[in-house]
Amino acid sequence: MSQSKSTTGPQPWTAGDEWKQPGQARLFAPATLRNRDAILAVLRDILPARGFVLEVASGSGEHIVHVAAALPGLTFQPSDPSAEALASIAAWTRDQDLRNVLPPLRIDATADNWPVDRADAILCINMIHIAPWAATEGLFRNAGRILRVGGPLYLYGPFRRPGRDLEPGNAAFDESLRERNAEWGLRGLDAVEALAKGAGFGEAQVIEMPANNLSVVLRKLDGN
């Protein structure tokens, strides 16, 4: 499943297939260029004007620098479990000279205690299908603890939807993920919503996105 690497331009960055230009720490994910403005349009509507936003599984860091540049009133905390991703996030932040993006933290979504106590919003883009289910469980467990009441947890990516067949492209993607790792694969939106409810979140707001992806917005209901 690996793709050939070229030194002439950025190549797709998919799970287990990191790529960077020689001498650069920055990783590139061309899919980001295709979806970042659609994601930003949703985030403009759901994020507060000011506050602290944690991103879980920031990956290359391209999404968070794009959003942070457009929303300067917010402070963004990127994170990732990968040392290579952390280096890329830091490099992208330096490259864009962004003062509202903090140094990235190493956070394993499955861990019980993240090194963040409070957040006004949490972003998680393209993680839950490229990680074991335990990572999604950890995401909701910790988000339920640290989010303020009414704070949004924003998910983005492809999902299985009850009563609907997967689109051909998503079906092929799901198969490729499961070939890479039996614990990966597209998650059922109903299973994600059930997990969210158990962690103290309300009903999901589901927004159709380009290329058969979804934005899923969940808000913290109470202070438990």
N, C-alpha and C. Protein backbone atom coordinates (compact mmCIF):
# COMPACT_ATOMS: atom_id res chain seq x y z
N MET A 1 0.81 -1.21 0.00
CA MET A 1 0.00 0.00 0.00
C MET A 1 0.85 1.27 0.00
N SER A 2 2.15 1.16 0.11
CA SER A 2 2.96 2.36 0.16
C SER A 2 3.02 3.01 -1.20
N GLN A 3 3.17 4.33 -1.22
CA GLN A 3 3.25 5.09 -2.43
C GLN A 3 4.70 5.43 -2.71
N SER A 4 5.03 5.60 -3.98
CA SER A 4 6.40 5.98 -4.31
C SER A 4 6.65 7.39 -3.85
N LYS A 5 7.84 7.66 -3.38
CA LYS A 5 8.22 8.96 -2.87
C LYS A 5 8.98 9.71 -3.95
N SER A 6 8.67 10.98 -4.12
CA SER A 6 9.34 11.81 -5.10
C SER A 6 9.95 13.00 -4.39
N THR A 7 10.98 13.58 -4.94
CA THR A 7 11.58 14.77 -4.34
C THR A 7 11.15 16.02 -5.08
N THR A 8 10.16 15.92 -5.99
CA THR A 8 9.77 17.07 -6.78
C THR A 8 8.60 17.83 -6.20
N GLY A 9 7.91 17.28 -5.24
CA GLY A 9 6.76 17.97 -4.67
C GLY A 9 6.13 17.15 -3.58
N PRO A 10 5.22 17.75 -2.83
CA PRO A 10 4.60 17.02 -1.72
C PRO A 10 3.77 15.85 -2.20
N GLN A 11 3.87 14.73 -1.50
CA GLN A 11 3.13 13.53 -1.80
C GLN A 11 2.06 13.33 -0.73
N PRO A 12 1.04 12.52 -1.02
CA PRO A 12 0.01 12.29 0.00
C PRO A 12 0.59 11.73 1.28
N TRP A 13 0.11 12.25 2.41
CA TRP A 13 0.54 11.73 3.71
C TRP A 13 -0.62 10.96 4.29
N THR A 14 -0.56 9.65 4.22
CA THR A 14 -1.59 8.79 4.78
C THR A 14 -0.98 7.99 5.91
N ALA A 15 -1.84 7.26 6.64
CA ALA A 15 -1.36 6.51 7.79
C ALA A 15 -0.23 5.57 7.39
N GLY A 16 0.89 5.67 8.08
CA GLY A 16 2.02 4.80 7.82
C GLY A 16 2.79 5.17 6.57
N ASP A 17 2.52 6.34 6.00
CA ASP A 17 3.16 6.69 4.73
C ASP A 17 3.61 8.14 4.75
N GLU A 18 4.32 8.54 5.81
CA GLU A 18 4.77 9.91 5.96
C GLU A 18 5.76 10.28 4.85
N TRP A 19 5.78 11.55 4.49
CA TRP A 19 6.68 12.02 3.44
C TRP A 19 7.10 13.43 3.76
N LYS A 20 8.34 13.76 3.49
CA LYS A 20 8.78 15.13 3.66
C LYS A 20 9.88 15.44 2.66
N GLN A 21 10.03 16.72 2.36
CA GLN A 21 11.07 17.13 1.46
C GLN A 21 12.42 17.02 2.15
N PRO A 22 13.48 16.69 1.41
CA PRO A 22 14.80 16.57 2.03
C PRO A 22 15.18 17.84 2.78
N GLY A 23 15.65 17.65 4.00
CA GLY A 23 16.10 18.78 4.81
C GLY A 23 14.99 19.56 5.48
N GLN A 24 13.74 19.11 5.37
CA GLN A 24 12.63 19.81 5.99
C GLN A 24 11.91 18.91 6.98
N ALA A 25 11.47 19.51 8.09
CA ALA A 25 10.69 18.75 9.06
C ALA A 25 9.22 18.72 8.69
N ARG A 26 8.78 19.66 7.85
CA ARG A 26 7.35 19.74 7.53
C ARG A 26 6.88 18.53 6.73
N LEU A 27 5.76 17.99 7.17
CA LEU A 27 5.07 16.94 6.41
C LEU A 27 3.95 17.58 5.60
N PHE A 28 3.62 16.97 4.48
CA PHE A 28 2.60 17.51 3.59
C PHE A 28 1.49 16.49 3.39
N ALA A 29 0.26 16.96 3.44
CA ALA A 29 -0.90 16.12 3.14
C ALA A 29 -1.73 16.87 2.11
N PRO A 30 -1.57 16.55 0.82
CA PRO A 30 -2.30 17.29 -0.22
C PRO A 30 -3.81 17.30 -0.01
N ALA A 31 -4.38 16.29 0.66
CA ALA A 31 -5.82 16.31 0.94
C ALA A 31 -6.20 17.53 1.78
N THR A 32 -5.26 18.03 2.59
CA THR A 32 -5.53 19.20 3.40
C THR A 32 -5.90 20.39 2.53
N LEU A 33 -5.19 20.55 1.43
CA LEU A 33 -5.47 21.67 0.53
C LEU A 33 -6.88 21.59 -0.03
N ARG A 34 -7.38 20.37 -0.18
CA ARG A 34 -8.70 20.20 -0.76
C ARG A 34 -9.83 20.41 0.26
N ASN A 35 -9.55 20.16 1.54
CA ASN A 35 -10.66 20.20 2.51
C ASN A 35 -10.54 21.28 3.58
N ARG A 36 -9.41 21.97 3.65
CA ARG A 36 -9.20 22.87 4.78
C ARG A 36 -10.16 24.06 4.78
N ASP A 37 -10.53 24.58 3.61
CA ASP A 37 -11.44 25.73 3.60
C ASP A 37 -12.86 25.32 3.96
N ALA A 38 -13.27 24.12 3.55
CA ALA A 38 -14.60 23.64 3.94
C ALA A 38 -14.66 23.42 5.45
N ILE A 39 -13.58 22.88 6.03
CA ILE A 39 -13.52 22.70 7.48
C ILE A 39 -13.53 24.04 8.18
N LEU A 40 -12.74 24.98 7.69
CA LEU A 40 -12.68 26.31 8.30
C LEU A 40 -14.05 26.98 8.30
N ALA A 41 -14.82 26.81 7.23
CA ALA A 41 -16.15 27.42 7.17
C ALA A 41 -17.04 26.90 8.29
N VAL A 42 -16.95 25.61 8.61
CA VAL A 42 -17.74 25.05 9.72
C VAL A 42 -17.21 25.58 11.05
N LEU A 43 -15.90 25.60 11.20
CA LEU A 43 -15.31 26.03 12.47
C LEU A 43 -15.62 27.50 12.77
N ARG A 44 -15.73 28.32 11.76
CA ARG A 44 -16.09 29.73 11.99
C ARG A 44 -17.45 29.83 12.69
N ASP A 45 -18.33 28.88 12.39
CA ASP A 45 -19.68 28.92 12.95
C ASP A 45 -19.77 28.33 14.35
N ILE A 46 -18.88 27.38 14.68
CA ILE A 46 -19.05 26.67 15.95
C ILE A 46 -18.05 27.06 17.03
N LEU A 47 -16.93 27.67 16.66
CA LEU A 47 -15.93 28.03 17.67
C LEU A 47 -16.25 29.38 18.28
N PRO A 48 -15.89 29.57 19.54
CA PRO A 48 -16.08 30.90 20.15
C PRO A 48 -15.13 31.91 19.52
N ALA A 49 -15.42 33.18 19.74
CA ALA A 49 -14.55 34.23 19.19
C ALA A 49 -13.19 34.23 19.87
N ARG A 50 -13.19 33.88 21.15
CA ARG A 50 -11.94 33.83 21.92
C ARG A 50 -11.96 32.58 22.81
N GLY A 51 -10.77 32.12 23.16
CA GLY A 51 -10.69 30.96 24.03
C GLY A 51 -9.54 30.05 23.64
N PHE A 52 -9.55 28.87 24.25
CA PHE A 52 -8.46 27.90 24.12
C PHE A 52 -8.99 26.67 23.40
N VAL A 53 -8.35 26.32 22.29
CA VAL A 53 -8.79 25.20 21.45
C VAL A 53 -7.69 24.14 21.40
N LEU A 54 -8.04 22.93 21.80
CA LEU A 54 -7.12 21.80 21.74
C LEU A 54 -7.40 21.01 20.47
N GLU A 55 -6.35 20.70 19.71
CA GLU A 55 -6.49 19.78 18.59
C GLU A 55 -5.81 18.46 18.95
N VAL A 56 -6.55 17.38 18.80
CA VAL A 56 -6.04 16.03 19.06
C VAL A 56 -5.67 15.40 17.72
N ALA A 57 -4.50 14.76 17.68
CA ALA A 57 -4.01 14.12 16.45
C ALA A 57 -3.85 15.15 15.34
N SER A 58 -2.99 16.13 15.58
CA SER A 58 -2.79 17.22 14.63
C SER A 58 -2.07 16.79 13.35
N GLY A 59 -1.44 15.62 13.37
CA GLY A 59 -0.79 15.12 12.16
C GLY A 59 0.29 16.05 11.66
N SER A 60 0.23 16.41 10.39
CA SER A 60 1.26 17.26 9.81
C SER A 60 1.26 18.67 10.39
N GLY A 61 0.12 19.12 10.92
CA GLY A 61 0.01 20.47 11.45
C GLY A 61 -0.57 21.46 10.46
N GLU A 62 -0.86 21.02 9.25
CA GLU A 62 -1.34 21.94 8.22
C GLU A 62 -2.73 22.49 8.53
N HIS A 63 -3.59 21.65 9.09
CA HIS A 63 -4.94 22.13 9.41
C HIS A 63 -4.90 23.20 10.48
N ILE A 64 -4.14 22.98 11.53
CA ILE A 64 -4.21 23.91 12.66
C ILE A 64 -3.60 25.26 12.30
N VAL A 65 -2.56 25.29 11.46
CA VAL A 65 -2.00 26.59 11.10
C VAL A 65 -2.95 27.35 10.18
N HIS A 66 -3.68 26.63 9.34
CA HIS A 66 -4.64 27.29 8.45
C HIS A 66 -5.78 27.90 9.26
N VAL A 67 -6.29 27.15 10.22
CA VAL A 67 -7.39 27.64 11.04
C VAL A 67 -6.92 28.76 11.96
N ALA A 68 -5.75 28.60 12.55
CA ALA A 68 -5.24 29.61 13.48
C ALA A 68 -4.97 30.94 12.78
N ALA A 69 -4.50 30.88 11.55
CA ALA A 69 -4.25 32.12 10.81
C ALA A 69 -5.56 32.87 10.53
N ALA A 70 -6.64 32.12 10.34
CA ALA A 70 -7.94 32.74 10.03
C ALA A 70 -8.69 33.19 11.26
N LEU A 71 -8.36 32.63 12.44
CA LEU A 71 -9.08 32.92 13.67
C LEU A 71 -8.10 33.38 14.75
N PRO A 72 -7.55 34.58 14.61
CA PRO A 72 -6.48 35.03 15.50
C PRO A 72 -6.92 35.28 16.94
N GLY A 73 -8.22 35.36 17.21
CA GLY A 73 -8.68 35.58 18.57
C GLY A 73 -8.61 34.35 19.45
N LEU A 74 -8.36 33.19 18.85
CA LEU A 74 -8.28 31.94 19.59
C LEU A 74 -6.83 31.51 19.78
N THR A 75 -6.58 30.81 20.88
CA THR A 75 -5.28 30.18 21.12
C THR A 75 -5.42 28.69 20.86
N PHE A 76 -4.53 28.15 20.04
CA PHE A 76 -4.62 26.76 19.62
C PHE A 76 -3.48 25.93 20.22
N GLN A 77 -3.86 24.78 20.74
CA GLN A 77 -2.90 23.82 21.29
C GLN A 77 -2.89 22.56 20.43
N PRO A 78 -1.89 22.39 19.55
CA PRO A 78 -1.80 21.16 18.77
C PRO A 78 -1.22 20.03 19.59
N SER A 79 -1.49 18.78 19.15
CA SER A 79 -0.93 17.62 19.84
C SER A 79 -0.88 16.44 18.88
N ASP A 80 -0.05 15.48 19.21
CA ASP A 80 0.05 14.24 18.44
C ASP A 80 0.93 13.27 19.23
N PRO A 81 0.75 11.96 19.05
CA PRO A 81 1.64 11.01 19.73
C PRO A 81 2.95 10.78 18.98
N SER A 82 3.05 11.21 17.71
CA SER A 82 4.20 10.92 16.87
C SER A 82 5.26 12.01 16.97
N ALA A 83 6.50 11.62 17.21
CA ALA A 83 7.60 12.60 17.27
C ALA A 83 7.77 13.31 15.94
N GLU A 84 7.61 12.59 14.84
CA GLU A 84 7.76 13.20 13.52
C GLU A 84 6.66 14.22 13.27
N ALA A 85 5.44 13.88 13.69
CA ALA A 85 4.34 14.83 13.54
C ALA A 85 4.57 16.07 14.41
N LEU A 86 5.05 15.91 15.63
CA LEU A 86 5.32 17.05 16.50
C LEU A 86 6.35 17.98 15.88
N ALA A 87 7.37 17.41 15.26
CA ALA A 87 8.38 18.23 14.58
C ALA A 87 7.77 18.97 13.40
N SER A 88 6.88 18.31 12.67
CA SER A 88 6.23 18.95 11.53
C SER A 88 5.32 20.09 11.98
N ILE A 89 4.56 19.87 13.03
CA ILE A 89 3.67 20.91 13.56
C ILE A 89 4.49 22.15 13.94
N ALA A 90 5.58 21.93 14.67
CA ALA A 90 6.42 23.04 15.10
C ALA A 90 7.01 23.77 13.90
N ALA A 91 7.40 23.01 12.87
CA ALA A 91 7.98 23.62 11.67
C ALA A 91 6.95 24.45 10.91
N TRP A 92 5.74 23.93 10.78
CA TRP A 92 4.68 24.69 10.10
C TRP A 92 4.36 25.96 10.87
N THR A 93 4.33 25.88 12.20
CA THR A 93 4.02 27.06 13.02
C THR A 93 5.10 28.12 12.85
N ARG A 94 6.36 27.70 12.85
CA ARG A 94 7.45 28.65 12.61
C ARG A 94 7.36 29.26 11.22
N ASP A 95 7.07 28.42 10.25
CA ASP A 95 7.01 28.88 8.86
C ASP A 95 5.94 29.95 8.67
N GLN A 96 4.80 29.77 9.36
CA GLN A 96 3.69 30.71 9.23
C GLN A 96 3.78 31.87 10.23
N ASP A 97 4.76 31.81 11.15
CA ASP A 97 4.97 32.86 12.15
C ASP A 97 3.68 33.14 12.93
N LEU A 98 3.08 32.07 13.44
CA LEU A 98 1.82 32.19 14.16
C LEU A 98 2.06 32.29 15.66
N ARG A 99 1.56 33.34 16.26
CA ARG A 99 1.76 33.55 17.69
C ARG A 99 0.63 32.95 18.52
N ASN A 100 -0.45 32.53 17.88
CA ASN A 100 -1.58 31.96 18.62
C ASN A 100 -1.62 30.43 18.54
N VAL A 101 -0.50 29.82 18.14
CA VAL A 101 -0.36 28.36 18.17
C VAL A 101 0.75 28.02 19.16
N LEU A 102 0.40 27.28 20.21
CA LEU A 102 1.36 26.90 21.25
C LEU A 102 2.24 25.75 20.77
N PRO A 103 3.39 25.54 21.41
CA PRO A 103 4.23 24.38 21.07
C PRO A 103 3.43 23.09 21.20
N PRO A 104 3.58 22.16 20.27
CA PRO A 104 2.77 20.94 20.30
C PRO A 104 3.07 20.06 21.50
N LEU A 105 2.03 19.39 21.99
CA LEU A 105 2.15 18.45 23.09
C LEU A 105 2.09 17.02 22.57
N ARG A 106 2.80 16.12 23.23
CA ARG A 106 2.66 14.71 22.92
C ARG A 106 1.45 14.17 23.70
N ILE A 107 0.40 13.82 22.98
CA ILE A 107 -0.80 13.27 23.60
C ILE A 107 -1.19 11.99 22.89
N ASP A 108 -1.31 10.92 23.65
CA ASP A 108 -1.83 9.66 23.17
C ASP A 108 -3.32 9.66 23.51
N ALA A 109 -4.17 9.59 22.49
CA ALA A 109 -5.60 9.70 22.73
C ALA A 109 -6.12 8.62 23.67
N THR A 110 -5.45 7.47 23.73
CA THR A 110 -5.93 6.38 24.58
C THR A 110 -5.60 6.60 26.05
N ALA A 111 -4.72 7.56 26.36
CA ALA A 111 -4.27 7.77 27.74
C ALA A 111 -5.41 8.27 28.62
N ASP A 112 -5.34 7.97 29.91
CA ASP A 112 -6.38 8.38 30.84
C ASP A 112 -6.30 9.85 31.22
N ASN A 113 -5.10 10.39 31.31
CA ASN A 113 -4.95 11.77 31.75
C ASN A 113 -4.10 12.54 30.74
N TRP A 114 -4.74 13.45 30.02
CA TRP A 114 -4.01 14.30 29.09
C TRP A 114 -3.42 15.49 29.84
N PRO A 115 -2.34 16.07 29.33
CA PRO A 115 -1.72 17.22 30.01
C PRO A 115 -2.43 18.54 29.71
N VAL A 116 -3.75 18.52 29.66
CA VAL A 116 -4.58 19.72 29.46
C VAL A 116 -5.75 19.61 30.42
N ASP A 117 -6.00 20.65 31.20
CA ASP A 117 -7.06 20.61 32.21
C ASP A 117 -8.39 21.16 31.72
N ARG A 118 -8.37 22.17 30.86
CA ARG A 118 -9.59 22.81 30.40
C ARG A 118 -9.43 23.24 28.95
N ALA A 119 -10.52 23.19 28.20
CA ALA A 119 -10.53 23.67 26.83
C ALA A 119 -11.91 24.21 26.50
N ASP A 120 -11.96 25.23 25.64
CA ASP A 120 -13.23 25.77 25.19
C ASP A 120 -13.76 25.02 23.98
N ALA A 121 -12.87 24.31 23.29
CA ALA A 121 -13.27 23.50 22.14
C ALA A 121 -12.16 22.48 21.88
N ILE A 122 -12.54 21.36 21.26
CA ILE A 122 -11.58 20.33 20.88
C ILE A 122 -11.84 19.96 19.43
N LEU A 123 -10.76 19.87 18.66
CA LEU A 123 -10.83 19.46 17.26
C LEU A 123 -10.15 18.12 17.10
N CYS A 124 -10.73 17.26 16.27
CA CYS A 124 -10.11 15.97 15.96
C CYS A 124 -10.44 15.63 14.51
N ILE A 125 -9.47 15.85 13.64
CA ILE A 125 -9.67 15.73 12.20
C ILE A 125 -8.98 14.48 11.68
N ASN A 126 -9.74 13.61 11.06
CA ASN A 126 -9.17 12.41 10.42
C ASN A 126 -8.34 11.55 11.37
N MET A 127 -8.87 11.28 12.55
CA MET A 127 -8.17 10.38 13.46
C MET A 127 -8.90 9.07 13.67
N ILE A 128 -10.21 9.11 13.93
CA ILE A 128 -10.84 7.94 14.53
C ILE A 128 -10.87 6.74 13.60
N HIS A 129 -10.76 6.95 12.29
CA HIS A 129 -10.71 5.80 11.38
C HIS A 129 -9.29 5.29 11.16
N ILE A 130 -8.29 6.06 11.58
CA ILE A 130 -6.89 5.65 11.42
C ILE A 130 -6.27 5.48 12.80
N ALA A 131 -7.00 4.80 13.67
CA ALA A 131 -6.55 4.54 15.04
C ALA A 131 -7.43 3.43 15.60
N PRO A 132 -6.95 2.72 16.61
CA PRO A 132 -7.81 1.73 17.26
C PRO A 132 -9.02 2.40 17.90
N TRP A 133 -10.08 1.65 18.09
CA TRP A 133 -11.29 2.19 18.72
C TRP A 133 -10.99 2.75 20.11
N ALA A 134 -9.98 2.20 20.76
CA ALA A 134 -9.60 2.71 22.09
C ALA A 134 -9.22 4.19 22.03
N ALA A 135 -8.73 4.66 20.89
CA ALA A 135 -8.38 6.07 20.76
C ALA A 135 -9.65 6.93 20.77
N THR A 136 -10.71 6.46 20.12
CA THR A 136 -11.98 7.19 20.14
C THR A 136 -12.56 7.19 21.56
N GLU A 137 -12.47 6.05 22.23
CA GLU A 137 -12.95 5.99 23.62
C GLU A 137 -12.18 6.97 24.49
N GLY A 138 -10.87 7.03 24.32
CA GLY A 138 -10.07 7.97 25.09
C GLY A 138 -10.37 9.41 24.76
N LEU A 139 -10.63 9.68 23.48
CA LEU A 139 -10.98 11.03 23.06
C LEU A 139 -12.22 11.51 23.80
N PHE A 140 -13.28 10.69 23.82
CA PHE A 140 -14.51 11.12 24.48
C PHE A 140 -14.37 11.16 25.99
N ARG A 141 -13.64 10.21 26.54
CA ARG A 141 -13.44 10.18 27.99
C ARG A 141 -12.74 11.47 28.45
N ASN A 142 -11.70 11.86 27.76
CA ASN A 142 -10.96 13.06 28.15
C ASN A 142 -11.69 14.34 27.76
N ALA A 143 -12.32 14.34 26.59
CA ALA A 143 -13.07 15.53 26.18
C ALA A 143 -14.21 15.82 27.15
N GLY A 144 -14.87 14.77 27.64
CA GLY A 144 -15.93 14.95 28.61
C GLY A 144 -15.44 15.55 29.91
N ARG A 145 -14.16 15.31 30.21
CA ARG A 145 -13.57 15.83 31.45
C ARG A 145 -13.11 17.27 31.31
N ILE A 146 -12.52 17.63 30.18
CA ILE A 146 -11.84 18.93 30.10
C ILE A 146 -12.65 20.01 29.38
N LEU A 147 -13.66 19.64 28.60
CA LEU A 147 -14.43 20.66 27.89
C LEU A 147 -15.35 21.42 28.85
N ARG A 148 -15.48 22.69 28.63
CA ARG A 148 -16.44 23.49 29.37
C ARG A 148 -17.86 23.16 28.89
N VAL A 149 -18.83 23.40 29.73
CA VAL A 149 -20.22 23.15 29.36
C VAL A 149 -20.55 23.96 28.10
N GLY A 150 -21.14 23.29 27.12
CA GLY A 150 -21.46 23.94 25.85
C GLY A 150 -20.34 23.92 24.85
N GLY A 151 -19.14 23.52 25.29
CA GLY A 151 -18.00 23.51 24.40
C GLY A 151 -18.14 22.43 23.33
N PRO A 152 -17.72 22.72 22.08
CA PRO A 152 -17.86 21.75 21.01
C PRO A 152 -16.67 20.80 20.90
N LEU A 153 -16.98 19.56 20.61
CA LEU A 153 -16.01 18.59 20.14
C LEU A 153 -16.29 18.39 18.66
N TYR A 154 -15.31 18.73 17.82
CA TYR A 154 -15.50 18.69 16.37
C TYR A 154 -14.73 17.50 15.78
N LEU A 155 -15.46 16.65 15.08
CA LEU A 155 -14.87 15.51 14.38
C LEU A 155 -15.04 15.71 12.88
N TYR A 156 -14.04 15.27 12.13
CA TYR A 156 -14.13 15.34 10.67
C TYR A 156 -13.56 14.05 10.09
N GLY A 157 -14.24 13.55 9.05
CA GLY A 157 -13.73 12.38 8.36
C GLY A 157 -14.86 11.58 7.73
N PRO A 158 -14.55 10.42 7.18
CA PRO A 158 -15.59 9.55 6.62
C PRO A 158 -16.17 8.65 7.71
N PHE A 159 -17.47 8.36 7.60
CA PHE A 159 -18.16 7.53 8.59
C PHE A 159 -19.08 6.55 7.87
N ARG A 160 -19.39 5.46 8.56
CA ARG A 160 -20.50 4.60 8.16
C ARG A 160 -21.77 5.20 8.73
N ARG A 161 -22.84 5.22 7.92
CA ARG A 161 -24.10 5.80 8.38
C ARG A 161 -25.18 4.73 8.39
N PRO A 162 -25.98 4.68 9.45
CA PRO A 162 -27.01 3.64 9.57
C PRO A 162 -27.94 3.64 8.36
N GLY A 163 -28.19 2.44 7.83
CA GLY A 163 -29.13 2.30 6.73
C GLY A 163 -28.63 2.74 5.39
N ARG A 164 -27.34 3.05 5.28
CA ARG A 164 -26.78 3.50 4.01
C ARG A 164 -25.52 2.72 3.68
N ASP A 165 -25.39 2.30 2.44
CA ASP A 165 -24.18 1.65 2.00
C ASP A 165 -23.05 2.69 1.90
N LEU A 166 -21.83 2.22 2.13
CA LEU A 166 -20.68 3.10 1.94
C LEU A 166 -20.56 3.49 0.47
N GLU A 167 -20.19 4.73 0.24
CA GLU A 167 -19.89 5.17 -1.10
C GLU A 167 -18.70 4.36 -1.62
N PRO A 168 -18.60 4.12 -2.93
CA PRO A 168 -17.50 3.29 -3.46
C PRO A 168 -16.12 3.74 -3.02
N GLY A 169 -15.88 5.04 -3.03
CA GLY A 169 -14.57 5.53 -2.61
C GLY A 169 -14.30 5.26 -1.15
N ASN A 170 -15.30 5.46 -0.29
CA ASN A 170 -15.13 5.20 1.13
C ASN A 170 -15.01 3.70 1.41
N ALA A 171 -15.72 2.88 0.63
CA ALA A 171 -15.61 1.43 0.81
C ALA A 171 -14.20 0.96 0.48
N ALA A 172 -13.62 1.49 -0.59
CA ALA A 172 -12.25 1.12 -0.94
C ALA A 172 -11.26 1.63 0.11
N PHE A 173 -11.51 2.84 0.62
CA PHE A 173 -10.64 3.40 1.65
C PHE A 173 -10.70 2.55 2.92
N ASP A 174 -11.91 2.17 3.31
CA ASP A 174 -12.10 1.34 4.50
C ASP A 174 -11.34 0.02 4.35
N GLU A 175 -11.44 -0.59 3.18
CA GLU A 175 -10.74 -1.86 2.95
C GLU A 175 -9.23 -1.68 3.05
N SER A 176 -8.73 -0.59 2.49
CA SER A 176 -7.28 -0.35 2.54
C SER A 176 -6.80 -0.12 3.97
N LEU A 177 -7.61 0.57 4.78
CA LEU A 177 -7.24 0.80 6.17
C LEU A 177 -7.18 -0.51 6.94
N ARG A 178 -8.17 -1.37 6.74
CA ARG A 178 -8.21 -2.65 7.45
C ARG A 178 -7.08 -3.58 7.00
N GLU A 179 -6.64 -3.44 5.76
CA GLU A 179 -5.48 -4.20 5.31
C GLU A 179 -4.21 -3.74 6.01
N ARG A 180 -4.12 -2.44 6.26
CA ARG A 180 -2.95 -1.91 6.98
C ARG A 180 -2.95 -2.35 8.44
N ASN A 181 -4.14 -2.27 9.06
CA ASN A 181 -4.23 -2.57 10.48
C ASN A 181 -5.67 -3.01 10.77
N ALA A 182 -5.82 -4.19 11.31
CA ALA A 182 -7.16 -4.75 11.55
C ALA A 182 -7.97 -3.92 12.54
N GLU A 183 -7.31 -3.06 13.33
CA GLU A 183 -8.02 -2.23 14.32
C GLU A 183 -8.47 -0.90 13.73
N TRP A 184 -8.12 -0.62 12.47
CA TRP A 184 -8.52 0.63 11.84
C TRP A 184 -9.77 0.40 11.01
N GLY A 185 -10.34 1.48 10.47
CA GLY A 185 -11.48 1.38 9.59
C GLY A 185 -12.52 2.43 9.90
N LEU A 186 -13.41 2.70 8.94
CA LEU A 186 -14.45 3.69 9.12
C LEU A 186 -15.39 3.26 10.25
N ARG A 187 -15.73 4.21 11.11
CA ARG A 187 -16.56 3.93 12.28
C ARG A 187 -18.02 4.25 11.99
N GLY A 188 -18.90 3.53 12.64
CA GLY A 188 -20.32 3.81 12.52
C GLY A 188 -20.68 5.09 13.25
N LEU A 189 -21.40 5.98 12.58
CA LEU A 189 -21.79 7.23 13.21
C LEU A 189 -22.66 6.96 14.43
N ASP A 190 -23.48 5.92 14.39
CA ASP A 190 -24.33 5.60 15.53
C ASP A 190 -23.49 5.16 16.73
N ALA A 191 -22.40 4.41 16.49
CA ALA A 191 -21.53 3.98 17.58
C ALA A 191 -20.80 5.17 18.19
N VAL A 192 -20.39 6.11 17.35
CA VAL A 192 -19.72 7.32 17.84
C VAL A 192 -20.69 8.16 18.68
N GLU A 193 -21.91 8.30 18.21
CA GLU A 193 -22.90 9.08 18.95
C GLU A 193 -23.24 8.44 20.29
N ALA A 194 -23.31 7.11 20.32
CA ALA A 194 -23.59 6.42 21.58
C ALA A 194 -22.46 6.64 22.58
N LEU A 195 -21.23 6.58 22.10
CA LEU A 195 -20.07 6.82 22.96
C LEU A 195 -20.09 8.25 23.49
N ALA A 196 -20.44 9.19 22.62
CA ALA A 196 -20.50 10.60 23.02
C ALA A 196 -21.56 10.82 24.10
N LYS A 197 -22.70 10.20 23.93
CA LYS A 197 -23.78 10.35 24.91
C LYS A 197 -23.33 9.87 26.28
N GLY A 198 -22.62 8.74 26.31
CA GLY A 198 -22.12 8.21 27.57
C GLY A 198 -21.09 9.10 28.23
N ALA A 199 -20.46 9.97 27.44
CA ALA A 199 -19.44 10.88 27.98
C ALA A 199 -20.00 12.25 28.30
N GLY A 200 -21.32 12.41 28.20
CA GLY A 200 -21.94 13.66 28.60
C GLY A 200 -22.16 14.66 27.48
N PHE A 201 -22.23 14.18 26.24
CA PHE A 201 -22.45 15.07 25.10
C PHE A 201 -23.89 14.93 24.59
N GLY A 202 -24.36 16.00 23.96
CA GLY A 202 -25.70 16.01 23.41
C GLY A 202 -25.76 15.41 22.02
N GLU A 203 -26.88 15.59 21.38
CA GLU A 203 -27.11 15.04 20.05
C GLU A 203 -26.15 15.66 19.04
N ALA A 204 -25.67 14.85 18.13
CA ALA A 204 -24.70 15.31 17.15
C ALA A 204 -25.34 16.20 16.09
N GLN A 205 -24.64 17.25 15.73
CA GLN A 205 -24.96 18.03 14.53
C GLN A 205 -24.08 17.48 13.41
N VAL A 206 -24.69 16.96 12.38
CA VAL A 206 -23.96 16.32 11.28
C VAL A 206 -24.05 17.19 10.04
N ILE A 207 -22.90 17.53 9.49
CA ILE A 207 -22.82 18.43 8.34
C ILE A 207 -22.14 17.70 7.19
N GLU A 208 -22.81 17.65 6.05
CA GLU A 208 -22.23 17.01 4.87
C GLU A 208 -21.05 17.85 4.38
N MET A 209 -19.96 17.15 4.03
CA MET A 209 -18.75 17.80 3.56
C MET A 209 -18.35 17.23 2.20
N PRO A 210 -17.42 17.88 1.50
CA PRO A 210 -16.99 17.36 0.20
C PRO A 210 -16.38 15.96 0.31
N ALA A 211 -16.38 15.25 -0.81
CA ALA A 211 -15.73 13.94 -0.94
C ALA A 211 -16.26 12.92 0.06
N ASN A 212 -17.57 12.97 0.35
CA ASN A 212 -18.23 11.99 1.21
C ASN A 212 -17.66 11.95 2.62
N ASN A 213 -17.24 13.10 3.12
CA ASN A 213 -16.84 13.23 4.52
C ASN A 213 -17.94 13.93 5.29
N LEU A 214 -17.82 13.90 6.61
CA LEU A 214 -18.78 14.57 7.48
C LEU A 214 -18.06 15.42 8.51
N SER A 215 -18.69 16.52 8.87
CA SER A 215 -18.34 17.23 10.10
C SER A 215 -19.36 16.82 11.15
N VAL A 216 -18.88 16.40 12.31
CA VAL A 216 -19.75 15.99 13.40
C VAL A 216 -19.44 16.87 14.60
N VAL A 217 -20.43 17.63 15.03
CA VAL A 217 -20.25 18.58 16.13
C VAL A 217 -21.04 18.08 17.33
N LEU A 218 -20.35 17.90 18.45
CA LEU A 218 -20.97 17.43 19.69
C LEU A 218 -20.66 18.44 20.78
N ARG A 219 -21.66 18.76 21.58
CA ARG A 219 -21.46 19.77 22.63
C ARG A 219 -21.64 19.15 24.01
N LYS A 220 -20.77 19.59 24.92
CA LYS A 220 -20.80 19.12 26.31
C LYS A 220 -22.07 19.63 26.99
N LEU A 221 -22.79 18.73 27.64
CA LEU A 221 -24.08 19.08 28.23
C LEU A 221 -23.98 19.60 29.66
N ASP A 222 -23.07 19.03 30.46
CA ASP A 222 -23.05 19.40 31.87
C ASP A 222 -21.62 19.42 32.37
N GLY A 223 -21.47 19.67 33.64
CA GLY A 223 -20.14 19.81 34.22
C GLY A 223 -19.58 18.54 34.81
N ASN A 224 -20.18 17.38 34.57
CA ASN A 224 -19.67 16.14 35.15
C ASN A 224 -18.40 15.70 34.47
